[in-house]
Amino acid sequence: MSMDPELSRKLDALVKGLMIGGSVGVIGGLFFLDMRRAFVLGLIAGFFAALTRLRMDR
């Protein structure tokens, strides 16, 4: 069973965005905010960054 290459590319971009956003959020949480709040805000920012990147590639 193989996955559609377009869907695979989209999922890969979203996962990378979430991982990078969450990581940046945790680093920000170490210095500025509550750790949970920073992590969630990082995930949200990573999600929208990935969506923006997918739209720009189109």
PDB file of N, CA and C in Angstrom:
ATOM      1  N   MET A   1       0.840  -1.170   0.000  1.00  0.00           N
ATOM      2  CA  MET A   1       0.000   0.000   0.000  1.00  0.00           C
ATOM      3  C   MET A   1       0.888   1.237   0.000  1.00  0.00           C
ATOM      4  N   SER A   2       0.791   2.031  -1.040  1.00  0.00           N
ATOM      5  CA  SER A   2       1.647   3.211  -1.137  1.00  0.00           C
ATOM      6  C   SER A   2       0.815   4.477  -0.930  1.00  0.00           C
ATOM      7  N   MET A   3       1.485   5.485  -0.397  1.00  0.00           N
ATOM      8  CA  MET A   3       0.819   6.754  -0.122  1.00  0.00           C
ATOM      9  C   MET A   3       1.011   7.693  -1.306  1.00  0.00           C
ATOM     10  N   ASP A   4       0.029   8.500  -1.542  1.00  0.00           N
ATOM     11  CA  ASP A   4       0.084   9.510  -2.586  1.00  0.00           C
ATOM     12  C   ASP A   4       1.277  10.436  -2.318  1.00  0.00           C
ATOM     13  N   PRO A   5       2.136  10.697  -3.302  1.00  0.00           N
ATOM     14  CA  PRO A   5       3.310  11.550  -3.068  1.00  0.00           C
ATOM     15  C   PRO A   5       2.950  12.967  -2.622  1.00  0.00           C
ATOM     16  N   GLU A   6       1.844  13.497  -3.112  1.00  0.00           N
ATOM     17  CA  GLU A   6       1.421  14.848  -2.727  1.00  0.00           C
ATOM     18  C   GLU A   6       1.010  14.878  -1.255  1.00  0.00           C
ATOM     19  N   LEU A   7       0.259  13.884  -0.830  1.00  0.00           N
ATOM     20  CA  LEU A   7      -0.159  13.794   0.571  1.00  0.00           C
ATOM     21  C   LEU A   7       1.045  13.577   1.479  1.00  0.00           C
ATOM     22  N   SER A   8       1.966  12.754   1.032  1.00  0.00           N
ATOM     23  CA  SER A   8       3.181  12.517   1.806  1.00  0.00           C
ATOM     24  C   SER A   8       3.988  13.797   1.981  1.00  0.00           C
ATOM     25  N   ARG A   9       4.084  14.610   0.944  1.00  0.00           N
ATOM     26  CA  ARG A   9       4.818  15.874   1.021  1.00  0.00           C
ATOM     27  C   ARG A   9       4.155  16.838   1.994  1.00  0.00           C
ATOM     28  N   LYS A  10       2.809  16.887   1.957  1.00  0.00           N
ATOM     29  CA  LYS A  10       2.072  17.776   2.854  1.00  0.00           C
ATOM     30  C   LYS A  10       2.227  17.349   4.308  1.00  0.00           C
ATOM     31  N   LEU A  11       2.087  16.048   4.555  1.00  0.00           N
ATOM     32  CA  LEU A  11       2.236  15.557   5.922  1.00  0.00           C
ATOM     33  C   LEU A  11       3.649  15.783   6.444  1.00  0.00           C
ATOM     34  N   ASP A  12       4.633  15.585   5.583  1.00  0.00           N
ATOM     35  CA  ASP A  12       6.024  15.814   5.973  1.00  0.00           C
ATOM     36  C   ASP A  12       6.249  17.272   6.350  1.00  0.00           C
ATOM     37  N   ALA A  13       5.701  18.192   5.573  1.00  0.00           N
ATOM     38  CA  ALA A  13       5.855  19.613   5.868  1.00  0.00           C
ATOM     39  C   ALA A  13       5.162  19.976   7.175  1.00  0.00           C
ATOM     40  N   LEU A  14       3.976  19.423   7.417  1.00  0.00           N
ATOM     41  CA  LEU A  14       3.257  19.723   8.655  1.00  0.00           C
ATOM     42  C   LEU A  14       3.979  19.169   9.876  1.00  0.00           C
ATOM     43  N   VAL A  15       4.498  17.964   9.766  1.00  0.00           N
ATOM     44  CA  VAL A  15       5.226  17.370  10.895  1.00  0.00           C
ATOM     45  C   VAL A  15       6.486  18.168  11.196  1.00  0.00           C
ATOM     46  N   LYS A  16       7.215  18.549  10.166  1.00  0.00           N
ATOM     47  CA  LYS A  16       8.419  19.355  10.381  1.00  0.00           C
ATOM     48  C   LYS A  16       8.077  20.705  11.004  1.00  0.00           C
ATOM     49  N   GLY A  17       7.011  21.335  10.525  1.00  0.00           N
ATOM     50  CA  GLY A  17       6.598  22.617  11.086  1.00  0.00           C
ATOM     51  C   GLY A  17       6.226  22.504  12.550  1.00  0.00           C
ATOM     52  N   LEU A  18       5.488  21.453  12.900  1.00  0.00           N
ATOM     53  CA  LEU A  18       5.089  21.254  14.286  1.00  0.00           C
ATOM     54  C   LEU A  18       6.295  20.967  15.181  1.00  0.00           C
ATOM     55  N   MET A  19       7.225  20.159  14.685  1.00  0.00           N
ATOM     56  CA  MET A  19       8.407  19.834  15.491  1.00  0.00           C
ATOM     57  C   MET A  19       9.294  21.060  15.717  1.00  0.00           C
ATOM     58  N   ILE A  20       9.515  21.816  14.674  1.00  0.00           N
ATOM     59  CA  ILE A  20      10.360  23.005  14.807  1.00  0.00           C
ATOM     60  C   ILE A  20       9.662  24.056  15.666  1.00  0.00           C
ATOM     61  N   GLY A  21       8.368  24.260  15.433  1.00  0.00           N
ATOM     62  CA  GLY A  21       7.622  25.225  16.227  1.00  0.00           C
ATOM     63  C   GLY A  21       7.593  24.864  17.701  1.00  0.00           C
ATOM     64  N   GLY A  22       7.348  23.595  17.992  1.00  0.00           N
ATOM     65  CA  GLY A  22       7.344  23.144  19.379  1.00  0.00           C
ATOM     66  C   GLY A  22       8.700  23.301  20.039  1.00  0.00           C
ATOM     67  N   SER A  23       9.750  23.014  19.285  1.00  0.00           N
ATOM     68  CA  SER A  23      11.110  23.151  19.825  1.00  0.00           C
ATOM     69  C   SER A  23      11.447  24.601  20.131  1.00  0.00           C
ATOM     70  N   VAL A  24      11.109  25.487  19.228  1.00  0.00           N
ATOM     71  CA  VAL A  24      11.350  26.913  19.458  1.00  0.00           C
ATOM     72  C   VAL A  24      10.520  27.400  20.637  1.00  0.00           C
ATOM     73  N   GLY A  25       9.298  26.895  20.753  1.00  0.00           N
ATOM     74  CA  GLY A  25       8.456  27.258  21.882  1.00  0.00           C
ATOM     75  C   GLY A  25       9.046  26.831  23.212  1.00  0.00           C
ATOM     76  N   VAL A  26       9.605  25.625  23.261  1.00  0.00           N
ATOM     77  CA  VAL A  26      10.223  25.148  24.503  1.00  0.00           C
ATOM     78  C   VAL A  26      11.445  25.994  24.853  1.00  0.00           C
ATOM     79  N   ILE A  27      12.234  26.349  23.862  1.00  0.00           N
ATOM     80  CA  ILE A  27      13.384  27.213  24.123  1.00  0.00           C
ATOM     81  C   ILE A  27      12.908  28.562  24.647  1.00  0.00           C
ATOM     82  N   GLY A  28      11.855  29.098  24.060  1.00  0.00           N
ATOM     83  CA  GLY A  28      11.280  30.343  24.570  1.00  0.00           C
ATOM     84  C   GLY A  28      10.729  30.173  25.972  1.00  0.00           C
ATOM     85  N   GLY A  29      10.188  29.007  26.263  1.00  0.00           N
ATOM     86  CA  GLY A  29       9.654  28.728  27.584  1.00  0.00           C
ATOM     87  C   GLY A  29      10.732  28.683  28.651  1.00  0.00           C
ATOM     88  N   LEU A  30      11.919  28.305  28.261  1.00  0.00           N
ATOM     89  CA  LEU A  30      13.026  28.279  29.221  1.00  0.00           C
ATOM     90  C   LEU A  30      13.384  29.680  29.693  1.00  0.00           C
ATOM     91  N   PHE A  31      13.155  30.679  28.852  1.00  0.00           N
ATOM     92  CA  PHE A  31      13.612  32.030  29.166  1.00  0.00           C
ATOM     93  C   PHE A  31      12.498  33.025  29.456  1.00  0.00           C
ATOM     94  N   PHE A  32      11.341  32.903  28.784  1.00  0.00           N
ATOM     95  CA  PHE A  32      10.373  33.990  28.829  1.00  0.00           C
ATOM     96  C   PHE A  32       9.019  33.615  29.423  1.00  0.00           C
ATOM     97  N   LEU A  33       8.407  32.521  28.970  1.00  0.00           N
ATOM     98  CA  LEU A  33       7.019  32.201  29.296  1.00  0.00           C
ATOM     99  C   LEU A  33       6.915  30.919  30.118  1.00  0.00           C
ATOM    100  N   ASP A  34       5.686  30.627  30.516  1.00  0.00           N
ATOM    101  CA  ASP A  34       5.377  29.323  31.082  1.00  0.00           C
ATOM    102  C   ASP A  34       5.655  28.266  30.002  1.00  0.00           C
ATOM    103  N   MET A  35       6.240  27.145  30.401  1.00  0.00           N
ATOM    104  CA  MET A  35       6.683  26.123  29.441  1.00  0.00           C
ATOM    105  C   MET A  35       5.514  25.587  28.599  1.00  0.00           C
ATOM    106  N   ARG A  36       4.391  25.285  29.220  1.00  0.00           N
ATOM    107  CA  ARG A  36       3.253  24.738  28.460  1.00  0.00           C
ATOM    108  C   ARG A  36       2.712  25.749  27.466  1.00  0.00           C
ATOM    109  N   ARG A  37       2.574  26.986  27.909  1.00  0.00           N
ATOM    110  CA  ARG A  37       2.047  28.029  27.025  1.00  0.00           C
ATOM    111  C   ARG A  37       2.994  28.246  25.844  1.00  0.00           C
ATOM    112  N   ALA A  38       4.283  28.286  26.120  1.00  0.00           N
ATOM    113  CA  ALA A  38       5.258  28.498  25.052  1.00  0.00           C
ATOM    114  C   ALA A  38       5.239  27.339  24.060  1.00  0.00           C
ATOM    115  N   PHE A  39       5.111  26.108  24.563  1.00  0.00           N
ATOM    116  CA  PHE A  39       5.074  24.941  23.685  1.00  0.00           C
ATOM    117  C   PHE A  39       3.858  24.983  22.771  1.00  0.00           C
ATOM    118  N   VAL A  40       2.691  25.274  23.333  1.00  0.00           N
ATOM    119  CA  VAL A  40       1.461  25.322  22.532  1.00  0.00           C
ATOM    120  C   VAL A  40       1.527  26.460  21.514  1.00  0.00           C
ATOM    121  N   LEU A  41       2.001  27.620  21.927  1.00  0.00           N
ATOM    122  CA  LEU A  41       2.139  28.722  20.972  1.00  0.00           C
ATOM    123  C   LEU A  41       3.130  28.373  19.866  1.00  0.00           C
ATOM    124  N   GLY A  42       4.194  27.659  20.206  1.00  0.00           N
ATOM    125  CA  GLY A  42       5.150  27.213  19.198  1.00  0.00           C
ATOM    126  C   GLY A  42       4.532  26.236  18.217  1.00  0.00           C
ATOM    127  N   LEU A  43       3.702  25.324  18.722  1.00  0.00           N
ATOM    128  CA  LEU A  43       3.011  24.379  17.832  1.00  0.00           C
ATOM    129  C   LEU A  43       2.077  25.107  16.874  1.00  0.00           C
ATOM    130  N   ILE A  44       1.348  26.076  17.394  1.00  0.00           N
ATOM    131  CA  ILE A  44       0.425  26.842  16.547  1.00  0.00           C
ATOM    132  C   ILE A  44       1.199  27.606  15.477  1.00  0.00           C
ATOM    133  N   ALA A  45       2.282  28.245  15.890  1.00  0.00           N
ATOM    134  CA  ALA A  45       3.097  28.991  14.926  1.00  0.00           C
ATOM    135  C   ALA A  45       3.707  28.053  13.885  1.00  0.00           C
ATOM    136  N   GLY A  46       4.173  26.893  14.301  1.00  0.00           N
ATOM    137  CA  GLY A  46       4.738  25.923  13.364  1.00  0.00           C
ATOM    138  C   GLY A  46       3.710  25.404  12.379  1.00  0.00           C
ATOM    139  N   PHE A  47       2.489  25.199  12.845  1.00  0.00           N
ATOM    140  CA  PHE A  47       1.410  24.748  11.970  1.00  0.00           C
ATOM    141  C   PHE A  47       1.131  25.777  10.881  1.00  0.00           C
ATOM    142  N   PHE A  48       1.002  27.041  11.290  1.00  0.00           N
ATOM    143  CA  PHE A  48       0.712  28.079  10.297  1.00  0.00           C
ATOM    144  C   PHE A  48       1.911  28.350   9.387  1.00  0.00           C
ATOM    145  N   ALA A  49       3.111  28.184   9.899  1.00  0.00           N
ATOM    146  CA  ALA A  49       4.293  28.336   9.048  1.00  0.00           C
ATOM    147  C   ALA A  49       4.327  27.246   7.976  1.00  0.00           C
ATOM    148  N   ALA A  50       3.986  26.025   8.358  1.00  0.00           N
ATOM    149  CA  ALA A  50       3.964  24.928   7.387  1.00  0.00           C
ATOM    150  C   ALA A  50       2.874  25.157   6.332  1.00  0.00           C
ATOM    151  N   LEU A  51       1.696  25.615   6.775  1.00  0.00           N
ATOM    152  CA  LEU A  51       0.637  25.906   5.806  1.00  0.00           C
ATOM    153  C   LEU A  51       1.053  27.010   4.848  1.00  0.00           C
ATOM    154  N   THR A  52       1.701  28.042   5.371  1.00  0.00           N
ATOM    155  CA  THR A  52       2.166  29.138   4.521  1.00  0.00           C
ATOM    156  C   THR A  52       3.177  28.635   3.508  1.00  0.00           C
ATOM    157  N   ARG A  53       4.088  27.777   3.960  1.00  0.00           N
ATOM    158  CA  ARG A  53       5.099  27.231   3.050  1.00  0.00           C
ATOM    159  C   ARG A  53       4.455  26.390   1.948  1.00  0.00           C
ATOM    160  N   LEU A  54       3.469  25.580   2.311  1.00  0.00           N
ATOM    161  CA  LEU A  54       2.789  24.760   1.296  1.00  0.00           C
ATOM    162  C   LEU A  54       2.058  25.645   0.287  1.00  0.00           C
ATOM    163  N   ARG A  55       1.438  26.707   0.748  1.00  0.00           N
ATOM    164  CA  ARG A  55       0.731  27.618  -0.167  1.00  0.00           C
ATOM    165  C   ARG A  55       1.707  28.348  -1.088  1.00  0.00           C
ATOM    166  N   MET A  56       2.869  28.736  -0.552  1.00  0.00           N
ATOM    167  CA  MET A  56       3.862  29.425  -1.385  1.00  0.00           C
ATOM    168  C   MET A  56       4.452  28.517  -2.455  1.00  0.00           C
ATOM    169  N   ASP A  57       4.576  27.213  -2.136  1.00  0.00           N
ATOM    170  CA  ASP A  57       5.118  26.261  -3.100  1.00  0.00           C
ATOM    171  C   ASP A  57       4.137  25.986  -4.233  1.00  0.00           C
ATOM    172  N   ARG A  58       2.869  26.213  -3.982  1.00  0.00           N
ATOM    173  CA  ARG A  58       1.855  25.939  -4.981  1.00  0.00           C
ATOM    174  C   ARG A  58       1.788  26.984  -6.037  1.00  0.00           C
TER     175      ARG A  58
END
